Amino acid sequence: MKKQYTIPLVLFLLGMAITIIGALFKIMHWPGANFMLTIGMLTEAIALITLIVFLLKNTK
């Protein structure tokens, strides 16, 4: 795997972990679940957009 793809993939995995923990908080009715879910999803979206930009740059 190329080194330039590591940052988006690490961001995506971090976002997934935050989202899963947020879902656990939501199931257990603990405070902070909505914030964690929002941050996790935004992190995943930023990581995917970054990965798409890297892929499009390499095809040119």
Protein backbone atom coordinates (compact mmCIF):
# COMPACT_ATOMS: atom_id res chain seq x y z
CA MET A 1 0.00 0.00 0.00
CA LYS A 2 1.25 3.47 -0.83
CA LYS A 3 2.21 5.75 2.02
CA GLN A 4 -0.09 8.56 0.85
CA TYR A 5 -3.17 6.43 1.55
CA THR A 6 -2.32 5.84 5.20
CA ILE A 7 -3.66 9.17 6.51
CA PRO A 8 -7.16 8.77 5.01
CA LEU A 9 -7.33 5.14 6.11
CA VAL A 10 -6.27 5.96 9.68
CA LEU A 11 -8.83 8.79 9.77
CA PHE A 12 -11.51 6.42 8.51
CA LEU A 13 -10.68 3.79 11.13
CA LEU A 14 -10.66 6.44 13.85
CA GLY A 15 -14.05 7.68 12.67
CA MET A 16 -15.41 4.13 12.70
CA ALA A 17 -14.20 3.60 16.25
CA ILE A 18 -15.78 6.86 17.43
CA THR A 19 -19.04 5.98 15.67
CA ILE A 20 -19.16 2.52 17.25
CA ILE A 21 -18.50 3.95 20.71
CA GLY A 22 -21.19 6.59 20.07
CA ALA A 23 -23.64 3.84 19.11
CA LEU A 24 -22.83 2.04 22.36
CA PHE A 25 -23.48 5.27 24.27
CA LYS A 26 -26.79 5.66 22.41
CA ILE A 27 -27.88 2.11 23.23
CA MET A 28 -26.98 2.55 26.90
CA HIS A 29 -28.64 6.00 27.04
CA TRP A 30 -25.46 7.65 28.25
CA PRO A 31 -24.89 11.38 27.65
CA GLY A 32 -22.71 12.47 24.74
CA ALA A 33 -23.92 9.89 22.25
CA ASN A 34 -25.19 12.37 19.65
CA PHE A 35 -21.93 14.32 19.76
CA MET A 36 -19.84 11.16 19.32
CA LEU A 37 -21.95 9.92 16.44
CA THR A 38 -21.74 13.29 14.69
CA ILE A 39 -17.97 13.58 15.12
CA GLY A 40 -17.44 9.97 14.00
CA MET A 41 -19.51 10.36 10.86
CA LEU A 42 -17.86 13.67 9.96
CA THR A 43 -14.42 12.11 10.41
CA GLU A 44 -15.37 9.24 8.13
CA ALA A 45 -16.72 11.63 5.51
CA ILE A 46 -13.55 13.75 5.58
CA ALA A 47 -11.41 10.63 5.26
CA LEU A 48 -13.39 9.36 2.28
CA ILE A 49 -13.27 12.73 0.52
CA THR A 50 -9.51 12.90 1.10
CA LEU A 51 -9.07 9.38 -0.27
CA ILE A 52 -11.13 10.19 -3.36
CA VAL A 53 -9.04 13.32 -3.99
CA PHE A 54 -5.81 11.28 -3.70
CA LEU A 55 -7.16 8.67 -6.11
CA LEU A 56 -8.27 11.27 -8.65
CA LYS A 57 -4.89 13.01 -8.52
CA ASN A 58 -3.09 9.75 -9.28
CA THR A 59 -5.21 8.89 -12.31
CA LYS A 60 -4.22 12.10 -14.11
